[in-house]
Amino acid sequence: MPMRNGGIVWQVPWINVWRLMKTLLWLALIALSSASVRGDEDPWPKRLVVDLNGDGVREEIVARRTGSDTELGDFYQLQVRQQDGTVLWRSSDTMDPTDPLAFGNWDFGSSMPQWAGDIDGDGRVELIAPAPQSDVSATFYRVFRWTGQGFESLFSRALIGGGEPGAAFQWTENPPMNGFWVQEWVGASAEGGLVVRVVSYDGSSSVLQGLAVLMPSAGGYVLERWITWPAAMSGDVGDESGTDEGIVRYRARLSVPDHYSSAGVALTSVAEILQQDRANHYRGSTQDAEDEADPVFGDRDARMGLKLMQLNVMGGDEAAQRIVRGTPLVKVTVGEGEITVEVIHE
């Protein structure tokens, strides 16, 4: 049973074969999560950008490593900065993992922020950071709220729900050992909800993972829709991003900024829009919540070569026009010298 101290969740080890099996599953879960982050080596963003005060100007939240403990790991201090570099707030400069405002990449798990934004529709910005855990069980999240002066700690709970569209998700301090829970906060959805990665665990050996949209509702959330249905955790799972014998797959929301060049010129071909999407994603100017990283187009020269590849649009001219005239979610498959695009959601 979890024990909490200063907002951090600790799991008491069970010395038996059952716990060993669960630990092995947890290691697979952590490895997949780290591999799916947007191109960073570390399992958290280098910075978060959000309008904290509602004035139309975005601030950035960055992490500065403040120390390293040979037994525990690395500790970080969060800083909130204005665009001119002025520091508005700093978290604790501490190497005590029980401090409610301690952040780190520790040997018993990471507790670095995943996302910042309005998670409950009240117009205020929250900061979301996982609490370390040590087995396959619901992920607890430390939730902080921006007060105008800094982030204050609200609670540490798990977000548990069901798998059918319309199912409720609620914060709880006493989650069941199986079911559906939020495992990663990805960002905001096109319809004003939240894009989250959800894990399903049946209590034995089946661990599934999918990408879903949650909408705030009466103190909790409702499962609006699945972006990708829960699938078995393997090398090509859930969001289908990754590589397979030289094949690269990723998903991207081709939003309005992706339809205009950096000079503001409207783009009229699928290849140009795909190229601009990758440029916006990797330059950080526009990163749609449903965008996924890829190991190919992070380099400018590689993006320039995209238009030279053979382009296949599944669905022909009709699907191509849906891309050029709309803002669909697409699945992109990159092979040797060719690129295939499929519209999977408007």
Protein backbone atom coordinates (compact mmCIF):
# COMPACT_ATOMS: atom_id res chain seq x y z
CA MET A 1 0.00 0.00 0.00
CA PRO A 2 1.41 3.48 -0.88
CA MET A 3 2.70 5.70 1.92
CA ARG A 4 2.94 9.45 1.39
CA ASN A 5 5.35 11.95 2.88
CA GLY A 6 5.45 15.55 1.72
CA GLY A 7 3.40 14.82 -1.41
CA ILE A 8 5.65 11.98 -2.62
CA VAL A 9 4.25 8.49 -3.06
CA TRP A 10 6.34 5.63 -1.76
CA GLN A 11 5.54 1.99 -2.48
CA VAL A 12 6.39 -0.61 0.24
CA PRO A 13 8.22 -3.56 -1.38
CA TRP A 14 6.63 -7.02 -1.25
CA ILE A 15 9.18 -9.83 -1.27
CA ASN A 16 7.51 -12.52 -3.31
CA VAL A 17 7.29 -13.85 -6.84
CA TRP A 18 4.17 -11.79 -7.61
CA ARG A 19 6.00 -8.55 -6.85
CA LEU A 20 8.94 -9.62 -9.04
CA MET A 21 6.62 -10.10 -12.01
CA LYS A 22 5.01 -6.71 -11.42
CA THR A 23 8.41 -5.05 -11.16
CA LEU A 24 9.47 -6.50 -14.52
CA LEU A 25 6.29 -5.11 -16.08
CA TRP A 26 6.99 -1.73 -14.50
CA LEU A 27 10.47 -1.64 -16.00
CA ALA A 28 8.95 -2.22 -19.43
CA LEU A 29 6.48 0.61 -18.78
CA ILE A 30 9.21 3.07 -17.79
CA ALA A 31 11.38 2.14 -20.78
CA LEU A 32 8.52 2.76 -23.19
CA SER A 33 7.61 6.08 -21.57
CA SER A 34 11.18 7.35 -21.81
CA ALA A 35 11.44 6.32 -25.46
CA SER A 36 8.20 8.08 -26.43
CA VAL A 37 9.14 11.58 -25.19
CA ARG A 38 9.58 14.15 -27.94
CA GLY A 39 13.17 13.52 -28.93
CA ASP A 40 14.74 14.47 -25.58
CA GLU A 41 17.20 12.17 -23.83
CA ASP A 42 15.62 12.98 -20.47
CA PRO A 43 12.11 11.78 -19.56
CA TRP A 44 10.70 15.31 -19.27
CA PRO A 45 10.53 18.45 -21.43
CA LYS A 46 13.50 20.81 -21.35
CA ARG A 47 11.00 23.62 -20.78
CA LEU A 48 7.27 24.28 -20.63
CA VAL A 49 5.75 27.39 -22.21
CA VAL A 50 2.38 28.69 -20.96
CA ASP A 51 0.50 31.95 -20.36
CA LEU A 52 0.37 31.93 -16.57
CA ASN A 53 -1.36 35.26 -15.99
CA GLY A 54 -3.89 35.38 -18.83
CA ASP A 55 -2.30 38.48 -20.38
CA GLY A 56 -1.59 36.87 -23.75
CA VAL A 57 2.17 36.68 -23.06
CA ARG A 58 3.62 33.23 -22.44
CA GLU A 59 6.11 32.52 -19.68
CA GLU A 60 8.49 29.57 -19.65
CA ILE A 61 9.09 27.01 -16.93
CA VAL A 62 12.61 25.59 -17.00
CA ALA A 63 14.50 23.12 -14.81
CA ARG A 64 18.00 23.85 -13.47
CA ARG A 65 19.98 20.99 -11.96
CA THR A 66 21.05 22.02 -8.47
CA GLY A 67 22.80 18.94 -7.20
CA SER A 68 23.36 15.21 -7.37
CA ASP A 69 23.25 12.62 -4.61
CA THR A 70 25.24 9.43 -5.20
CA GLU A 71 22.45 7.34 -3.68
CA LEU A 72 19.30 9.23 -4.70
CA GLY A 73 20.11 10.89 -8.05
CA ASP A 74 19.77 14.39 -9.55
CA PHE A 75 17.79 17.27 -8.04
CA TYR A 76 16.34 20.19 -10.00
CA GLN A 77 14.97 23.61 -9.21
CA LEU A 78 12.12 24.96 -11.34
CA GLN A 79 12.18 28.57 -12.49
CA VAL A 80 9.38 30.61 -14.05
CA ARG A 81 10.78 33.21 -16.42
CA GLN A 82 9.36 36.05 -18.48
CA GLN A 83 10.39 36.40 -22.11
CA ASP A 84 13.04 38.96 -21.14
CA GLY A 85 14.62 36.47 -18.74
CA THR A 86 13.22 37.94 -15.53
CA VAL A 87 12.69 35.17 -12.96
CA LEU A 88 9.18 35.35 -11.45
CA TRP A 89 9.44 32.34 -9.15
CA ARG A 90 11.78 29.57 -8.05
CA SER A 91 10.95 26.25 -6.42
CA SER A 92 12.86 24.96 -3.41
CA ASP A 93 16.61 24.61 -3.83
CA THR A 94 16.55 21.33 -1.95
CA MET A 95 18.03 17.86 -1.99
CA ASP A 96 15.31 16.42 0.21
CA PRO A 97 12.92 14.28 -1.88
CA THR A 98 10.19 14.63 0.77
CA ASP A 99 9.98 18.41 0.20
CA PRO A 100 6.63 19.12 -1.52
CA LEU A 101 8.48 21.33 -4.03
CA ALA A 102 11.35 18.93 -4.69
CA PHE A 103 11.86 17.81 -8.28
CA GLY A 104 14.34 15.25 -9.52
CA ASN A 105 15.37 12.29 -11.58
CA TRP A 106 15.94 9.81 -8.80
CA ASP A 107 16.91 6.16 -8.67
CA PHE A 108 13.40 5.31 -7.44
CA GLY A 109 11.67 7.29 -10.22
CA SER A 110 11.31 10.65 -11.93
CA SER A 111 9.30 13.52 -10.49
CA MET A 112 9.88 16.13 -13.17
CA PRO A 113 6.96 18.16 -14.62
CA GLN A 114 5.10 16.73 -17.60
CA TRP A 115 2.75 19.57 -18.51
CA ALA A 116 1.41 22.96 -17.49
CA GLY A 117 -2.01 24.35 -18.38
CA ASP A 118 -5.60 24.68 -17.20
CA ILE A 119 -6.51 21.09 -16.38
CA ASP A 120 -9.97 21.68 -14.89
CA GLY A 121 -11.48 24.56 -16.90
CA ASP A 122 -11.36 27.11 -14.07
CA GLY A 123 -9.11 29.54 -15.97
CA ARG A 124 -6.10 28.94 -13.72
CA VAL A 125 -2.89 27.16 -14.69
CA GLU A 126 -1.81 23.94 -13.01
CA LEU A 127 1.55 22.19 -13.14
CA ILE A 128 1.56 18.39 -13.33
CA ALA A 129 4.44 16.23 -12.09
CA PRO A 130 4.39 12.46 -11.46
CA ALA A 131 5.27 11.08 -8.05
CA PRO A 132 7.86 8.27 -8.10
CA GLN A 133 6.47 4.75 -7.95
CA SER A 134 8.01 1.30 -7.93
CA ASP A 135 5.58 -1.14 -9.51
CA VAL A 136 2.75 -1.48 -12.02
CA SER A 137 0.13 0.57 -10.23
CA ALA A 138 -1.75 3.78 -10.88
CA THR A 139 0.53 6.77 -11.41
CA PHE A 140 0.15 9.40 -8.71
CA TYR A 141 0.50 13.03 -9.80
CA ARG A 142 1.54 16.03 -7.78
CA VAL A 143 -0.66 18.92 -8.88
CA PHE A 144 0.39 22.55 -8.31
CA ARG A 145 -1.57 25.74 -9.07
CA TRP A 146 -0.19 29.11 -10.15
CA THR A 147 -1.26 31.80 -7.66
CA GLY A 148 0.17 34.79 -9.51
CA GLN A 149 3.18 34.71 -7.23
CA GLY A 150 4.27 31.10 -7.60
CA PHE A 151 3.12 27.49 -7.72
CA GLU A 152 1.45 26.08 -4.61
CA SER A 153 0.94 22.38 -3.94
CA LEU A 154 -2.68 21.17 -4.21
CA PHE A 155 -2.60 17.37 -3.87
CA SER A 156 -0.97 14.09 -4.88
CA ARG A 157 -3.49 11.64 -6.37
CA ALA A 158 -4.08 9.21 -9.20
CA LEU A 159 -6.56 9.85 -12.03
CA ILE A 160 -8.65 6.68 -12.52
CA GLY A 161 -11.44 5.92 -14.99
CA GLY A 162 -12.98 3.55 -17.50
CA GLY A 163 -12.32 2.54 -21.07
CA GLU A 164 -15.60 3.38 -22.81
CA PRO A 165 -16.26 6.85 -24.30
CA GLY A 166 -18.25 8.78 -21.72
CA ALA A 167 -16.57 7.01 -18.79
CA ALA A 168 -15.74 9.19 -15.79
CA PHE A 169 -12.17 9.77 -14.60
CA GLN A 170 -11.75 10.92 -11.00
CA TRP A 171 -8.86 11.90 -8.75
CA THR A 172 -8.36 9.43 -5.91
CA GLU A 173 -5.89 8.66 -3.13
CA ASN A 174 -6.92 5.00 -3.04
CA PRO A 175 -6.83 3.62 -6.59
CA PRO A 176 -7.58 -0.04 -7.36
CA MET A 177 -4.77 -2.33 -8.43
CA ASN A 178 -6.24 -2.69 -11.92
CA GLY A 179 -8.28 -0.66 -14.42
CA PHE A 180 -7.52 2.49 -16.46
CA TRP A 181 -5.36 5.35 -15.25
CA VAL A 182 -3.61 8.41 -16.68
CA GLN A 183 0.08 7.63 -17.14
CA GLU A 184 1.26 10.76 -19.00
CA TRP A 185 -0.06 14.29 -19.63
CA VAL A 186 0.58 15.20 -23.25
CA GLY A 187 -1.19 18.54 -23.79
CA ALA A 188 -4.40 20.23 -24.93
CA SER A 189 -6.75 18.80 -27.57
CA ALA A 190 -8.38 20.60 -30.48
CA GLU A 191 -11.81 20.53 -28.78
CA GLY A 192 -10.54 22.13 -25.57
CA GLY A 193 -9.88 18.95 -23.63
CA LEU A 194 -6.71 17.22 -22.50
CA VAL A 195 -4.64 14.69 -24.40
CA VAL A 196 -3.37 12.01 -22.03
CA ARG A 197 -1.68 8.65 -22.31
CA VAL A 198 -3.76 6.02 -20.53
CA VAL A 199 -2.60 2.67 -19.19
CA SER A 200 -4.92 -0.31 -18.77
CA TYR A 201 -3.85 -3.11 -16.42
CA ASP A 202 -5.89 -6.23 -15.71
CA GLY A 203 -4.08 -7.10 -12.48
CA SER A 204 -2.10 -10.00 -13.93
CA SER A 205 0.08 -9.76 -17.02
CA SER A 206 -1.74 -7.56 -19.55
CA VAL A 207 -0.53 -3.95 -19.72
CA LEU A 208 -2.09 -1.85 -22.51
CA GLN A 209 -1.51 1.77 -23.47
CA GLY A 210 -3.45 4.27 -25.59
CA LEU A 211 -3.83 7.99 -26.28
CA ALA A 212 -7.12 9.61 -25.24
CA VAL A 213 -8.91 12.95 -24.93
CA LEU A 214 -10.44 13.83 -21.55
CA MET A 215 -12.90 16.70 -21.03
CA PRO A 216 -13.25 18.43 -17.62
CA SER A 217 -16.59 17.61 -15.97
CA ALA A 218 -17.98 18.11 -12.43
CA GLY A 219 -14.82 17.81 -10.40
CA GLY A 220 -13.26 15.26 -12.71
CA TYR A 221 -13.16 14.29 -16.36
CA VAL A 222 -15.04 12.34 -19.01
CA LEU A 223 -13.38 10.19 -21.66
CA GLU A 224 -14.30 12.08 -24.84
CA ARG A 225 -12.62 9.77 -27.34
CA TRP A 226 -9.65 7.55 -28.00
CA ILE A 227 -7.02 8.92 -30.38
CA THR A 228 -5.39 5.50 -30.39
CA TRP A 229 -7.04 2.50 -28.75
CA PRO A 230 -5.13 0.76 -25.94
CA ALA A 231 -2.72 -1.74 -27.42
CA ALA A 232 -0.20 -4.19 -26.02
CA MET A 233 3.07 -2.60 -24.99
CA SER A 234 5.72 -3.61 -27.52
CA GLY A 235 8.16 -1.99 -29.92
CA ASP A 236 5.30 -0.54 -32.00
CA VAL A 237 2.50 0.24 -29.59
CA GLY A 238 -0.25 2.65 -28.75
CA ASP A 239 0.57 5.76 -30.73
CA GLU A 240 2.36 3.65 -33.40
CA SER A 241 5.34 6.02 -33.43
CA GLY A 242 8.75 4.37 -33.72
CA THR A 243 10.79 2.34 -36.18
CA ASP A 244 10.49 -1.18 -37.59
CA GLU A 245 13.20 -2.47 -39.96
CA GLY A 246 13.99 1.02 -41.22
CA ILE A 247 10.33 2.14 -41.26
CA VAL A 248 9.53 5.28 -39.25
CA ARG A 249 5.99 6.14 -38.12
CA TYR A 250 4.63 9.20 -36.39
CA ARG A 251 1.38 11.11 -36.01
CA ALA A 252 0.87 14.83 -36.52
CA ARG A 253 -1.97 17.30 -36.27
CA LEU A 254 -1.69 19.49 -39.37
CA SER A 255 -3.01 22.66 -37.76
CA VAL A 256 -3.41 26.11 -39.30
CA PRO A 257 0.21 27.24 -38.65
CA ASP A 258 1.42 24.17 -40.56
CA HIS A 259 -0.40 25.48 -43.66
CA TYR A 260 1.75 28.64 -43.88
CA SER A 261 5.46 29.05 -44.52
CA SER A 262 7.71 30.91 -42.10
CA ALA A 263 7.21 33.94 -44.36
CA GLY A 264 3.41 33.68 -44.05
CA VAL A 265 2.80 32.28 -47.53
CA ALA A 266 -0.07 29.79 -47.84
CA LEU A 267 1.14 26.28 -48.69
CA THR A 268 -0.73 24.36 -51.39
CA SER A 269 0.79 20.87 -51.40
CA VAL A 270 0.74 17.98 -48.96
CA ALA A 271 4.54 17.71 -48.99
CA GLU A 272 5.00 21.39 -48.13
CA ILE A 273 2.52 21.12 -45.26
CA LEU A 274 4.24 18.02 -43.89
CA GLN A 275 7.59 19.79 -44.10
CA GLN A 276 6.26 22.87 -42.30
CA ASP A 277 4.68 20.70 -39.61
CA ARG A 278 8.05 19.12 -38.83
CA ALA A 279 9.77 22.52 -38.89
CA ASN A 280 7.20 23.98 -36.47
CA HIS A 281 7.48 20.94 -34.23
CA TYR A 282 11.25 20.88 -33.93
CA ARG A 283 11.74 24.64 -33.78
CA GLY A 284 9.18 24.77 -31.00
CA SER A 285 7.18 27.56 -32.66
CA THR A 286 4.06 25.40 -32.92
CA GLN A 287 3.81 22.02 -31.23
CA ASP A 288 0.33 20.57 -31.47
CA ALA A 289 -0.69 18.34 -28.57
CA GLU A 290 -1.11 15.32 -30.81
CA ASP A 291 2.22 15.75 -32.61
CA GLU A 292 4.76 13.00 -32.13
CA ALA A 293 8.50 13.13 -32.56
CA ASP A 294 10.33 11.19 -35.26
CA PRO A 295 14.01 10.24 -35.67
CA VAL A 296 14.26 11.60 -39.24
CA PHE A 297 13.13 15.22 -39.65
CA GLY A 298 14.71 16.90 -36.64
CA ASP A 299 17.47 18.13 -38.96
CA ARG A 300 16.76 21.02 -41.36
CA ASP A 301 18.49 19.34 -44.31
CA ALA A 302 16.39 16.22 -43.77
CA ARG A 303 13.23 18.33 -43.80
CA MET A 304 14.31 19.94 -47.05
CA GLY A 305 14.68 16.48 -48.54
CA LEU A 306 11.12 15.55 -47.61
CA LYS A 307 9.74 17.19 -50.76
CA LEU A 308 12.07 15.06 -52.89
CA MET A 309 10.63 11.80 -51.56
CA GLN A 310 7.92 9.86 -53.37
CA LEU A 311 4.64 10.87 -51.72
CA ASN A 312 1.73 8.46 -51.30
CA VAL A 313 -1.55 9.82 -49.94
CA MET A 314 -3.90 7.06 -48.87
CA GLY A 315 -7.33 7.95 -50.27
CA GLY A 316 -5.94 9.73 -53.32
CA ASP A 317 -6.87 13.29 -54.37
CA GLU A 318 -9.85 13.47 -52.04
CA ALA A 319 -7.68 12.76 -48.99
CA ALA A 320 -5.01 15.17 -50.28
CA GLN A 321 -7.59 17.95 -50.43
CA ARG A 322 -8.68 17.17 -46.89
CA ILE A 323 -5.08 17.77 -45.83
CA VAL A 324 -4.62 20.96 -47.87
CA ARG A 325 -7.98 22.50 -46.93
CA GLY A 326 -8.38 21.16 -43.40
CA THR A 327 -6.46 20.45 -40.21
CA PRO A 328 -6.60 16.65 -39.89
CA LEU A 329 -4.67 14.27 -37.68
CA VAL A 330 -2.50 12.12 -39.95
CA LYS A 331 -0.31 9.06 -39.65
CA VAL A 332 2.96 9.38 -41.55
CA THR A 333 5.04 6.36 -42.55
CA VAL A 334 8.56 7.04 -43.82
CA GLY A 335 10.44 4.40 -45.79
CA GLU A 336 13.48 4.46 -48.02
CA GLY A 337 12.86 7.27 -50.49
CA GLU A 338 9.10 7.42 -49.92
CA ILE A 339 6.58 8.80 -47.48
CA THR A 340 2.98 7.66 -47.00
CA VAL A 341 0.28 9.79 -45.37
CA GLU A 342 -3.06 8.60 -44.02
CA VAL A 343 -5.81 10.83 -42.61
CA ILE A 344 -7.02 9.18 -39.40
CA HIS A 345 -9.18 11.95 -37.89
CA GLU A 346 -10.53 15.31 -39.01
